[in-house]
Amino acid sequence: MAAKRKITAAQRKARAKYNAKPGPKKRRAELNKINRQKGTYGNRDGMDNSHTSKGKTVKEKASKNRRRNGNDGKSKYKKK
């Protein structure tokens, strides 16, 4: 397992500023709503809902779902 990347104070501040905007708030609210409906929100099962290419959602491990897109869509796990 790789070591976690250190986040600088500037990065933390920029992320907080971005997450406070209406767009990201709305997106998080929608995703949380889907997780609640599917019964995986807050139960610590490690599952997340992943969006498929057809716009539906499927349960998937949170670690796989969140690392797929990586930094700027350039995940180190994607096949090139």
N, C-alpha and C. Protein backbone atom coordinates (compact mmCIF):
# COMPACT_ATOMS: atom_id res chain seq x y z
N MET A 1 0.84 -1.18 0.00
CA MET A 1 0.00 0.00 0.00
C MET A 1 0.89 1.24 0.00
N ALA A 2 0.60 2.15 -0.88
CA ALA A 2 1.39 3.37 -1.00
C ALA A 2 1.09 4.32 0.15
N ALA A 3 2.07 5.14 0.47
CA ALA A 3 1.89 6.12 1.53
C ALA A 3 0.94 7.21 1.06
N LYS A 4 0.19 7.78 2.00
CA LYS A 4 -0.73 8.85 1.65
C LYS A 4 0.04 10.11 1.28
N ARG A 5 -0.48 10.82 0.29
CA ARG A 5 0.13 12.06 -0.16
C ARG A 5 -0.18 13.16 0.85
N LYS A 6 0.80 13.96 1.20
CA LYS A 6 0.59 15.07 2.13
C LYS A 6 -0.13 16.20 1.42
N ILE A 7 -1.10 16.78 2.08
CA ILE A 7 -1.85 17.90 1.52
C ILE A 7 -1.36 19.17 2.21
N THR A 8 -0.98 20.16 1.40
CA THR A 8 -0.48 21.42 1.95
C THR A 8 -1.65 22.27 2.44
N ALA A 9 -1.33 23.29 3.20
CA ALA A 9 -2.36 24.20 3.72
C ALA A 9 -3.06 24.91 2.57
N ALA A 10 -2.31 25.27 1.53
CA ALA A 10 -2.90 25.96 0.38
C ALA A 10 -3.87 25.05 -0.36
N GLN A 11 -3.50 23.77 -0.50
CA GLN A 11 -4.39 22.83 -1.17
C GLN A 11 -5.67 22.62 -0.35
N ARG A 12 -5.52 22.54 0.95
CA ARG A 12 -6.66 22.34 1.83
C ARG A 12 -7.61 23.54 1.74
N LYS A 13 -7.03 24.74 1.71
CA LYS A 13 -7.82 25.97 1.63
C LYS A 13 -8.56 26.04 0.29
N ALA A 14 -7.88 25.68 -0.80
CA ALA A 14 -8.49 25.70 -2.13
C ALA A 14 -9.61 24.68 -2.22
N ARG A 15 -9.40 23.51 -1.64
CA ARG A 15 -10.43 22.46 -1.67
C ARG A 15 -11.65 22.90 -0.87
N ALA A 16 -11.43 23.53 0.28
CA ALA A 16 -12.54 24.01 1.11
C ALA A 16 -13.34 25.07 0.36
N LYS A 17 -12.63 25.94 -0.35
CA LYS A 17 -13.29 27.00 -1.13
C LYS A 17 -14.13 26.39 -2.24
N TYR A 18 -13.58 25.41 -2.94
CA TYR A 18 -14.30 24.74 -4.02
C TYR A 18 -15.52 24.00 -3.49
N ASN A 19 -15.36 23.27 -2.40
CA ASN A 19 -16.45 22.46 -1.85
C ASN A 19 -17.58 23.31 -1.27
N ALA A 20 -17.32 24.59 -1.01
CA ALA A 20 -18.34 25.47 -0.47
C ALA A 20 -19.22 26.06 -1.57
N LYS A 21 -18.85 25.88 -2.84
CA LYS A 21 -19.63 26.42 -3.95
C LYS A 21 -20.93 25.64 -4.11
N PRO A 22 -21.95 26.28 -4.68
CA PRO A 22 -23.26 25.62 -4.82
C PRO A 22 -23.22 24.36 -5.69
N GLY A 23 -22.43 24.35 -6.75
CA GLY A 23 -22.38 23.19 -7.64
C GLY A 23 -21.93 21.92 -6.94
N PRO A 24 -20.74 21.95 -6.31
CA PRO A 24 -20.27 20.76 -5.58
C PRO A 24 -21.19 20.36 -4.42
N LYS A 25 -21.81 21.35 -3.76
CA LYS A 25 -22.74 21.02 -2.67
C LYS A 25 -23.93 20.24 -3.21
N LYS A 26 -24.45 20.69 -4.35
CA LYS A 26 -25.60 20.03 -4.95
C LYS A 26 -25.24 18.62 -5.38
N ARG A 27 -24.04 18.46 -5.96
CA ARG A 27 -23.59 17.13 -6.42
C ARG A 27 -23.47 16.17 -5.24
N ARG A 28 -22.84 16.64 -4.14
CA ARG A 28 -22.70 15.79 -2.96
C ARG A 28 -24.06 15.41 -2.39
N ALA A 29 -24.98 16.37 -2.37
CA ALA A 29 -26.31 16.10 -1.84
C ALA A 29 -27.02 15.03 -2.67
N GLU A 30 -26.89 15.11 -3.99
CA GLU A 30 -27.51 14.11 -4.86
C GLU A 30 -26.90 12.73 -4.65
N LEU A 31 -25.57 12.68 -4.53
CA LEU A 31 -24.91 11.39 -4.34
C LEU A 31 -25.26 10.79 -2.98
N ASN A 32 -25.34 11.64 -1.95
CA ASN A 32 -25.72 11.15 -0.62
C ASN A 32 -27.16 10.63 -0.63
N LYS A 33 -28.03 11.30 -1.39
CA LYS A 33 -29.42 10.87 -1.48
C LYS A 33 -29.50 9.47 -2.10
N ILE A 34 -28.72 9.25 -3.16
CA ILE A 34 -28.70 7.93 -3.81
C ILE A 34 -28.19 6.88 -2.83
N ASN A 35 -27.13 7.21 -2.08
CA ASN A 35 -26.57 6.26 -1.11
C ASN A 35 -27.59 5.93 -0.02
N ARG A 36 -28.36 6.93 0.42
CA ARG A 36 -29.39 6.67 1.43
C ARG A 36 -30.47 5.75 0.89
N GLN A 37 -30.91 6.03 -0.35
CA GLN A 37 -31.97 5.23 -0.95
C GLN A 37 -31.53 3.77 -1.12
N LYS A 38 -30.27 3.56 -1.45
CA LYS A 38 -29.79 2.20 -1.67
C LYS A 38 -29.33 1.53 -0.37
N GLY A 39 -29.42 2.26 0.75
CA GLY A 39 -29.12 1.68 2.06
C GLY A 39 -27.65 1.53 2.38
N THR A 40 -26.79 2.26 1.70
CA THR A 40 -25.36 2.12 1.99
C THR A 40 -24.76 3.36 2.64
N TYR A 41 -25.56 4.37 2.88
CA TYR A 41 -25.05 5.61 3.48
C TYR A 41 -24.91 5.45 4.99
N GLY A 42 -23.69 5.61 5.49
CA GLY A 42 -23.45 5.62 6.92
C GLY A 42 -23.44 4.27 7.61
N ASN A 43 -23.49 3.16 6.86
CA ASN A 43 -23.49 1.88 7.54
C ASN A 43 -22.11 1.22 7.56
N ARG A 44 -21.12 1.94 7.10
CA ARG A 44 -19.71 1.51 7.14
C ARG A 44 -19.46 0.19 6.42
N ASP A 45 -20.18 -0.05 5.34
CA ASP A 45 -19.96 -1.28 4.59
C ASP A 45 -18.86 -1.12 3.55
N GLY A 46 -18.34 0.10 3.37
CA GLY A 46 -17.26 0.33 2.41
C GLY A 46 -17.74 0.40 0.98
N MET A 47 -19.05 0.42 0.79
CA MET A 47 -19.61 0.44 -0.56
C MET A 47 -20.05 1.86 -0.93
N ASP A 48 -20.03 2.12 -2.23
CA ASP A 48 -20.39 3.40 -2.80
C ASP A 48 -21.26 3.11 -4.01
N ASN A 49 -21.88 4.13 -4.55
CA ASN A 49 -22.63 3.95 -5.78
C ASN A 49 -21.85 4.56 -6.93
N SER A 50 -21.55 3.75 -7.90
CA SER A 50 -20.77 4.16 -9.06
C SER A 50 -21.71 4.42 -10.22
N HIS A 51 -21.46 5.51 -10.95
CA HIS A 51 -22.29 5.82 -12.11
C HIS A 51 -21.81 5.03 -13.32
N THR A 52 -22.74 4.38 -13.98
CA THR A 52 -22.41 3.63 -15.18
C THR A 52 -22.49 4.55 -16.40
N SER A 53 -22.05 4.06 -17.54
CA SER A 53 -22.07 4.88 -18.75
C SER A 53 -23.51 5.17 -19.21
N LYS A 54 -24.45 4.37 -18.76
CA LYS A 54 -25.86 4.58 -19.13
C LYS A 54 -26.59 5.50 -18.15
N GLY A 55 -25.88 6.02 -17.15
CA GLY A 55 -26.47 6.96 -16.21
C GLY A 55 -27.07 6.34 -14.97
N LYS A 56 -27.07 5.01 -14.86
CA LYS A 56 -27.58 4.36 -13.68
C LYS A 56 -26.47 4.24 -12.65
N THR A 57 -26.82 3.78 -11.46
CA THR A 57 -25.81 3.58 -10.44
C THR A 57 -25.80 2.13 -10.00
N VAL A 58 -24.60 1.65 -9.63
CA VAL A 58 -24.43 0.30 -9.12
C VAL A 58 -23.54 0.36 -7.89
N LYS A 59 -23.76 -0.57 -6.97
CA LYS A 59 -22.92 -0.63 -5.78
C LYS A 59 -21.53 -1.11 -6.16
N GLU A 60 -20.52 -0.48 -5.55
CA GLU A 60 -19.13 -0.82 -5.84
C GLU A 60 -18.30 -0.40 -4.63
N LYS A 61 -17.16 -1.05 -4.44
CA LYS A 61 -16.28 -0.65 -3.36
C LYS A 61 -15.91 0.82 -3.53
N ALA A 62 -15.96 1.58 -2.45
CA ALA A 62 -15.68 3.02 -2.52
C ALA A 62 -14.27 3.28 -3.02
N SER A 63 -13.32 2.45 -2.61
CA SER A 63 -11.93 2.68 -3.02
C SER A 63 -11.76 2.55 -4.52
N LYS A 64 -12.43 1.58 -5.12
CA LYS A 64 -12.34 1.41 -6.58
C LYS A 64 -13.04 2.55 -7.30
N ASN A 65 -14.22 2.92 -6.80
CA ASN A 65 -15.01 3.96 -7.44
C ASN A 65 -14.26 5.31 -7.42
N ARG A 66 -13.67 5.64 -6.30
CA ARG A 66 -13.06 6.96 -6.15
C ARG A 66 -11.68 7.07 -6.77
N ARG A 67 -10.99 5.98 -6.93
CA ARG A 67 -9.65 6.07 -7.51
C ARG A 67 -9.67 5.97 -9.03
N ARG A 68 -10.79 5.57 -9.59
CA ARG A 68 -10.86 5.37 -11.03
C ARG A 68 -10.53 6.64 -11.80
N ASN A 69 -11.03 7.78 -11.35
CA ASN A 69 -10.83 9.02 -12.08
C ASN A 69 -9.55 9.74 -11.71
N GLY A 70 -9.00 9.46 -10.57
CA GLY A 70 -7.71 10.01 -10.18
C GLY A 70 -7.64 11.52 -10.19
N ASN A 71 -6.44 12.03 -10.39
CA ASN A 71 -6.19 13.47 -10.39
C ASN A 71 -6.37 13.99 -11.80
N ASP A 72 -7.30 14.89 -12.02
CA ASP A 72 -7.60 15.44 -13.35
C ASP A 72 -7.98 14.35 -14.35
N GLY A 73 -8.62 13.30 -13.88
CA GLY A 73 -9.05 12.23 -14.77
C GLY A 73 -7.92 11.33 -15.24
N LYS A 74 -6.74 11.48 -14.65
CA LYS A 74 -5.57 10.70 -15.06
C LYS A 74 -5.17 9.75 -13.94
N SER A 75 -5.96 8.73 -13.73
CA SER A 75 -5.67 7.79 -12.67
C SER A 75 -4.44 6.95 -13.00
N LYS A 76 -3.62 6.70 -12.01
CA LYS A 76 -2.44 5.84 -12.24
C LYS A 76 -2.86 4.39 -12.36
N TYR A 77 -4.14 4.09 -12.07
CA TYR A 77 -4.62 2.72 -12.16
C TYR A 77 -5.26 2.41 -13.51
N LYS A 78 -5.55 3.43 -14.31
CA LYS A 78 -6.16 3.20 -15.63
C LYS A 78 -5.17 2.58 -16.57
N LYS A 79 -5.65 1.69 -17.41
CA LYS A 79 -4.79 1.11 -18.44
C LYS A 79 -4.62 2.14 -19.55
N LYS A 80 -3.42 2.25 -20.06
CA LYS A 80 -3.15 3.25 -21.09
C LYS A 80 -3.19 2.68 -22.47
